[in-house]
């Protein structure tokens, strides 16, 4: 899935979870281009404990504005 696919569904954020400590954050991705694949964010995310993370679409952060 690319950011363009995600945005077409009204989603503008990613839900990022640390696989070690389970810390969660919502990241707005408006500044990134449409062609960027969602999985590309996971390896770039770093928790304060330096654990590996993965990025998922932030469906709960769906933009409901028309």
PDB file of N, CA and C in Angstrom:
ATOM      1  N   UNK A   1       0.835  -1.163   0.000  1.00  0.00           N
ATOM      2  CA  UNK A   1       0.000   0.000   0.000  1.00  0.00           C
ATOM      3  C   UNK A   1       0.890   1.239   0.000  1.00  0.00           C
ATOM      4  N   UNK A   2       0.549   2.197  -0.812  1.00  0.00           N
ATOM      5  CA  UNK A   2       1.277   3.458  -0.855  1.00  0.00           C
ATOM      6  C   UNK A   2       0.497   4.517  -0.081  1.00  0.00           C
ATOM      7  N   UNK A   3       1.142   5.650   0.142  1.00  0.00           N
ATOM      8  CA  UNK A   3       0.448   6.743   0.822  1.00  0.00           C
ATOM      9  C   UNK A   3      -0.723   7.249  -0.021  1.00  0.00           C
ATOM     10  N   UNK A   4      -0.620   7.163  -1.351  1.00  0.00           N
ATOM     11  CA  UNK A   4      -1.730   7.576  -2.213  1.00  0.00           C
ATOM     12  C   UNK A   4      -2.955   6.702  -1.964  1.00  0.00           C
ATOM     13  N   UNK A   5      -2.760   5.369  -1.862  1.00  0.00           N
ATOM     14  CA  UNK A   5      -3.869   4.460  -1.571  1.00  0.00           C
ATOM     15  C   UNK A   5      -4.486   4.781  -0.221  1.00  0.00           C
ATOM     16  N   UNK A   6      -3.640   5.039   0.741  1.00  0.00           N
ATOM     17  CA  UNK A   6      -4.084   5.332   2.094  1.00  0.00           C
ATOM     18  C   UNK A   6      -4.885   6.634   2.128  1.00  0.00           C
ATOM     19  N   UNK A   7      -4.381   7.651   1.451  1.00  0.00           N
ATOM     20  CA  UNK A   7      -5.054   8.954   1.422  1.00  0.00           C
ATOM     21  C   UNK A   7      -6.391   8.878   0.696  1.00  0.00           C
ATOM     22  N   UNK A   8      -6.488   8.007  -0.314  1.00  0.00           N
ATOM     23  CA  UNK A   8      -7.754   7.837  -1.033  1.00  0.00           C
ATOM     24  C   UNK A   8      -8.854   7.327  -0.109  1.00  0.00           C
ATOM     25  N   UNK A   9      -8.464   6.671   0.982  1.00  0.00           N
ATOM     26  CA  UNK A   9      -9.411   6.165   1.978  1.00  0.00           C
ATOM     27  C   UNK A   9      -9.642   7.178   3.098  1.00  0.00           C
ATOM     28  N   UNK A  10      -9.040   8.360   2.998  1.00  0.00           N
ATOM     29  CA  UNK A  10      -9.212   9.402   3.996  1.00  0.00           C
ATOM     30  C   UNK A  10      -8.272   9.299   5.181  1.00  0.00           C
ATOM     31  N   UNK A  11      -7.218   8.498   5.055  1.00  0.00           N
ATOM     32  CA  UNK A  11      -6.263   8.315   6.153  1.00  0.00           C
ATOM     33  C   UNK A  11      -5.037   9.174   5.890  1.00  0.00           C
ATOM     34  N   UNK A  12      -4.615   9.946   6.893  1.00  0.00           N
ATOM     35  CA  UNK A  12      -3.487  10.850   6.728  1.00  0.00           C
ATOM     36  C   UNK A  12      -2.394  10.610   7.756  1.00  0.00           C
ATOM     37  N   UNK A  13      -2.513   9.531   8.530  1.00  0.00           N
ATOM     38  CA  UNK A  13      -1.552   9.248   9.585  1.00  0.00           C
ATOM     39  C   UNK A  13      -1.186   7.776   9.605  1.00  0.00           C
ATOM     40  N   UNK A  14      -0.015   7.474  10.174  1.00  0.00           N
ATOM     41  CA  UNK A  14       0.410   6.099  10.400  1.00  0.00           C
ATOM     42  C   UNK A  14       0.434   5.836  11.899  1.00  0.00           C
ATOM     43  N   UNK A  15       0.082   4.625  12.260  1.00  0.00           N
ATOM     44  CA  UNK A  15       0.175   4.170  13.644  1.00  0.00           C
ATOM     45  C   UNK A  15       1.487   3.417  13.740  1.00  0.00           C
ATOM     46  N   UNK A  16       2.405   3.877  14.587  1.00  0.00           N
ATOM     47  CA  UNK A  16       3.726   3.286  14.716  1.00  0.00           C
ATOM     48  C   UNK A  16       3.822   2.623  16.083  1.00  0.00           C
ATOM     49  N   UNK A  17       4.266   1.350  16.096  1.00  0.00           N
ATOM     50  CA  UNK A  17       4.351   0.575  17.335  1.00  0.00           C
ATOM     51  C   UNK A  17       5.765   0.020  17.495  1.00  0.00           C
ATOM     52  N   UNK A  18       6.354   0.198  18.677  1.00  0.00           N
ATOM     53  CA  UNK A  18       7.647  -0.402  18.982  1.00  0.00           C
ATOM     54  C   UNK A  18       7.413  -1.876  19.290  1.00  0.00           C
ATOM     55  N   UNK A  19       8.135  -2.752  18.614  1.00  0.00           N
ATOM     56  CA  UNK A  19       7.939  -4.190  18.814  1.00  0.00           C
ATOM     57  C   UNK A  19       8.506  -4.691  20.140  1.00  0.00           C
ATOM     58  N   UNK A  20       9.380  -3.918  20.777  1.00  0.00           N
ATOM     59  CA  UNK A  20       9.964  -4.340  22.041  1.00  0.00           C
ATOM     60  C   UNK A  20       9.148  -3.855  23.244  1.00  0.00           C
ATOM     61  N   UNK A  21       8.924  -2.545  23.333  1.00  0.00           N
ATOM     62  CA  UNK A  21       8.248  -2.004  24.516  1.00  0.00           C
ATOM     63  C   UNK A  21       6.780  -1.682  24.290  1.00  0.00           C
ATOM     64  N   UNK A  22       6.297  -1.814  23.067  1.00  0.00           N
ATOM     65  CA  UNK A  22       4.899  -1.565  22.696  1.00  0.00           C
ATOM     66  C   UNK A  22       4.478  -0.097  22.794  1.00  0.00           C
ATOM     67  N   UNK A  23       5.452   0.811  22.797  1.00  0.00           N
ATOM     68  CA  UNK A  23       5.124   2.230  22.757  1.00  0.00           C
ATOM     69  C   UNK A  23       4.430   2.515  21.437  1.00  0.00           C
ATOM     70  N   UNK A  24       3.381   3.331  21.441  1.00  0.00           N
ATOM     71  CA  UNK A  24       2.604   3.643  20.243  1.00  0.00           C
ATOM     72  C   UNK A  24       2.628   5.143  19.977  1.00  0.00           C
ATOM     73  N   UNK A  25       2.603   5.508  18.725  1.00  0.00           N
ATOM     74  CA  UNK A  25       2.530   6.906  18.323  1.00  0.00           C
ATOM     75  C   UNK A  25       1.794   7.006  16.993  1.00  0.00           C
ATOM     76  N   UNK A  26       1.142   8.127  16.771  1.00  0.00           N
ATOM     77  CA  UNK A  26       0.486   8.401  15.496  1.00  0.00           C
ATOM     78  C   UNK A  26       1.305   9.472  14.799  1.00  0.00           C
ATOM     79  N   UNK A  27       1.667   9.190  13.547  1.00  0.00           N
ATOM     80  CA  UNK A  27       2.544  10.085  12.782  1.00  0.00           C
ATOM     81  C   UNK A  27       1.803  10.597  11.552  1.00  0.00           C
ATOM     82  N   UNK A  28       1.698  11.905  11.423  1.00  0.00           N
ATOM     83  CA  UNK A  28       1.092  12.511  10.248  1.00  0.00           C
ATOM     84  C   UNK A  28       2.072  12.406   9.089  1.00  0.00           C
ATOM     85  N   UNK A  29       1.606  11.959   7.920  1.00  0.00           N
ATOM     86  CA  UNK A  29       2.486  11.743   6.764  1.00  0.00           C
ATOM     87  C   UNK A  29       2.168  12.677   5.601  1.00  0.00           C
ATOM     88  N   UNK A  30       1.531  13.813   5.883  1.00  0.00           N
ATOM     89  CA  UNK A  30       1.181  14.761   4.829  1.00  0.00           C
ATOM     90  C   UNK A  30       2.392  15.280   4.056  1.00  0.00           C
ATOM     91  N   UNK A  31       3.548  15.351   4.687  1.00  0.00           N
ATOM     92  CA  UNK A  31       4.723  15.926   4.027  1.00  0.00           C
ATOM     93  C   UNK A  31       5.430  14.957   3.078  1.00  0.00           C
ATOM     94  N   UNK A  32       5.000  13.703   3.049  1.00  0.00           N
ATOM     95  CA  UNK A  32       5.631  12.695   2.199  1.00  0.00           C
ATOM     96  C   UNK A  32       4.839  12.497   0.913  1.00  0.00           C
ATOM     97  N   UNK A  33       5.523  12.119  -0.168  1.00  0.00           N
ATOM     98  CA  UNK A  33       4.897  11.945  -1.472  1.00  0.00           C
ATOM     99  C   UNK A  33       3.962  10.749  -1.555  1.00  0.00           C
ATOM    100  N   UNK A  34       3.070  10.784  -2.525  1.00  0.00           N
ATOM    101  CA  UNK A  34       2.069   9.735  -2.714  1.00  0.00           C
ATOM    102  C   UNK A  34       2.663   8.373  -3.047  1.00  0.00           C
ATOM    103  N   UNK A  35       3.823   8.335  -3.684  1.00  0.00           N
ATOM    104  CA  UNK A  35       4.399   7.068  -4.145  1.00  0.00           C
ATOM    105  C   UNK A  35       5.113   6.287  -3.035  1.00  0.00           C
ATOM    106  N   UNK A  36       5.253   6.869  -1.856  1.00  0.00           N
ATOM    107  CA  UNK A  36       5.983   6.204  -0.769  1.00  0.00           C
ATOM    108  C   UNK A  36       5.160   5.024  -0.239  1.00  0.00           C
ATOM    109  N   UNK A  37       5.742   3.818  -0.191  1.00  0.00           N
ATOM    110  CA  UNK A  37       5.017   2.670   0.358  1.00  0.00           C
ATOM    111  C   UNK A  37       4.978   2.746   1.893  1.00  0.00           C
ATOM    112  N   UNK A  38       3.866   2.373   2.470  1.00  0.00           N
ATOM    113  CA  UNK A  38       3.703   2.414   3.927  1.00  0.00           C
ATOM    114  C   UNK A  38       4.776   1.590   4.643  1.00  0.00           C
ATOM    115  N   UNK A  39       5.096   0.363   4.202  1.00  0.00           N
ATOM    116  CA  UNK A  39       6.125  -0.421   4.912  1.00  0.00           C
ATOM    117  C   UNK A  39       7.501   0.240   4.954  1.00  0.00           C
ATOM    118  N   UNK A  40       7.759   1.222   4.094  1.00  0.00           N
ATOM    119  CA  UNK A  40       9.064   1.891   4.080  1.00  0.00           C
ATOM    120  C   UNK A  40       9.302   2.701   5.352  1.00  0.00           C
ATOM    121  N   UNK A  41       8.260   3.037   6.074  1.00  0.00           N
ATOM    122  CA  UNK A  41       8.418   3.834   7.287  1.00  0.00           C
ATOM    123  C   UNK A  41       8.946   3.009   8.460  1.00  0.00           C
ATOM    124  N   UNK A  42       8.584   1.748   8.552  1.00  0.00           N
ATOM    125  CA  UNK A  42       8.961   0.906   9.684  1.00  0.00           C
ATOM    126  C   UNK A  42      10.439   0.907  10.020  1.00  0.00           C
ATOM    127  N   UNK A  43      11.319   0.606   9.070  1.00  0.00           N
ATOM    128  CA  UNK A  43      12.754   0.567   9.369  1.00  0.00           C
ATOM    129  C   UNK A  43      13.333   1.929   9.759  1.00  0.00           C
ATOM    130  N   UNK A  44      12.652   3.003   9.425  1.00  0.00           N
ATOM    131  CA  UNK A  44      13.159   4.346   9.733  1.00  0.00           C
ATOM    132  C   UNK A  44      12.705   4.852  11.096  1.00  0.00           C
ATOM    133  N   UNK A  45      11.738   4.202  11.689  1.00  0.00           N
ATOM    134  CA  UNK A  45      11.235   4.615  12.997  1.00  0.00           C
ATOM    135  C   UNK A  45      12.150   4.067  14.083  1.00  0.00           C
ATOM    136  N   UNK A  46      12.502   4.886  15.051  1.00  0.00           N
ATOM    137  CA  UNK A  46      13.383   4.466  16.137  1.00  0.00           C
ATOM    138  C   UNK A  46      12.739   4.841  17.463  1.00  0.00           C
ATOM    139  N   UNK A  47      12.585   3.864  18.330  1.00  0.00           N
ATOM    140  CA  UNK A  47      12.064   4.076  19.672  1.00  0.00           C
ATOM    141  C   UNK A  47      13.200   4.581  20.555  1.00  0.00           C
ATOM    142  N   UNK A  48      12.878   5.216  21.662  1.00  0.00           N
ATOM    143  CA  UNK A  48      13.922   5.700  22.557  1.00  0.00           C
ATOM    144  C   UNK A  48      14.731   4.545  23.149  1.00  0.00           C
ATOM    145  N   UNK A  49      14.168   3.333  23.145  1.00  0.00           N
ATOM    146  CA  UNK A  49      14.921   2.170  23.616  1.00  0.00           C
ATOM    147  C   UNK A  49      15.682   1.500  22.467  1.00  0.00           C
ATOM    148  N   UNK A  50      15.654   2.141  21.266  1.00  0.00           N
ATOM    149  CA  UNK A  50      16.333   1.656  20.059  1.00  0.00           C
ATOM    150  C   UNK A  50      15.820   0.302  19.586  1.00  0.00           C
ATOM    151  N   UNK A  51      14.570   0.053  19.803  1.00  0.00           N
ATOM    152  CA  UNK A  51      13.953  -1.192  19.350  1.00  0.00           C
ATOM    153  C   UNK A  51      13.479  -1.048  17.912  1.00  0.00           C
ATOM    154  N   UNK A  52      13.301  -2.167  17.256  1.00  0.00           N
ATOM    155  CA  UNK A  52      12.733  -2.165  15.900  1.00  0.00           C
ATOM    156  C   UNK A  52      11.267  -1.815  15.981  1.00  0.00           C
ATOM    157  N   UNK A  53      10.780  -1.140  14.979  1.00  0.00           N
ATOM    158  CA  UNK A  53       9.366  -0.781  14.944  1.00  0.00           C
ATOM    159  C   UNK A  53       8.778  -1.171  13.603  1.00  0.00           C
ATOM    160  N   UNK A  54       7.481  -1.079  13.511  1.00  0.00           N
ATOM    161  CA  UNK A  54       6.810  -1.273  12.230  1.00  0.00           C
ATOM    162  C   UNK A  54       5.736  -0.203  12.114  1.00  0.00           C
ATOM    163  N   UNK A  55       5.454   0.186  10.908  1.00  0.00           N
ATOM    164  CA  UNK A  55       4.445   1.210  10.677  1.00  0.00           C
ATOM    165  C   UNK A  55       3.198   0.565  10.096  1.00  0.00           C
ATOM    166  N   UNK A  56       2.074   1.005  10.569  1.00  0.00           N
ATOM    167  CA  UNK A  56       0.783   0.558  10.049  1.00  0.00           C
ATOM    168  C   UNK A  56      -0.052   1.791   9.752  1.00  0.00           C
ATOM    169  N   UNK A  57      -1.032   1.631   8.888  1.00  0.00           N
ATOM    170  CA  UNK A  57      -1.891   2.768   8.597  1.00  0.00           C
ATOM    171  C   UNK A  57      -2.689   3.140   9.827  1.00  0.00           C
ATOM    172  N   UNK A  58      -2.863   4.427  10.031  1.00  0.00           N
ATOM    173  CA  UNK A  58      -3.586   4.915  11.202  1.00  0.00           C
ATOM    174  C   UNK A  58      -5.065   5.036  10.928  1.00  0.00           C
ATOM    175  N   UNK A  59      -5.737   3.916  10.749  1.00  0.00           N
ATOM    176  CA  UNK A  59      -7.164   3.949  10.409  1.00  0.00           C
ATOM    177  C   UNK A  59      -7.979   4.680  11.450  1.00  0.00           C
ATOM    178  N   UNK A  60      -7.583   4.631  12.707  1.00  0.00           N
ATOM    179  CA  UNK A  60      -8.342   5.333  13.729  1.00  0.00           C
ATOM    180  C   UNK A  60      -8.151   6.854  13.620  1.00  0.00           C
ATOM    181  N   UNK A  61      -7.165   7.283  12.858  1.00  0.00           N
ATOM    182  CA  UNK A  61      -6.900   8.699  12.687  1.00  0.00           C
ATOM    183  C   UNK A  61      -7.464   9.213  11.356  1.00  0.00           C
ATOM    184  N   UNK A  62      -8.479   8.537  10.854  1.00  0.00           N
ATOM    185  CA  UNK A  62      -9.078   8.905   9.559  1.00  0.00           C
ATOM    186  C   UNK A  62      -9.575  10.341   9.590  1.00  0.00           C
ATOM    187  N   UNK A  63      -9.255  11.090   8.555  1.00  0.00           N
ATOM    188  CA  UNK A  63      -9.689  12.475   8.439  1.00  0.00           C
ATOM    189  C   UNK A  63     -11.131  12.483   7.981  1.00  0.00           C
ATOM    190  N   UNK A  64     -12.034  12.956   8.821  1.00  0.00           N
ATOM    191  CA  UNK A  64     -13.463  12.930   8.496  1.00  0.00           C
ATOM    192  C   UNK A  64     -13.943  14.245   7.920  1.00  0.00           C
ATOM    193  N   UNK A  65     -13.021  15.216   7.736  1.00  0.00           N
ATOM    194  CA  UNK A  65     -13.436  16.485   7.152  1.00  0.00           C
ATOM    195  C   UNK A  65     -13.712  16.296   5.662  1.00  0.00           C
ATOM    196  N   UNK A  66     -14.738  16.948   5.185  1.00  0.00           N
ATOM    197  CA  UNK A  66     -15.099  16.831   3.761  1.00  0.00           C
ATOM    198  C   UNK A  66     -14.283  17.752   2.905  1.00  0.00           C
TER     199      UNK A  66
END
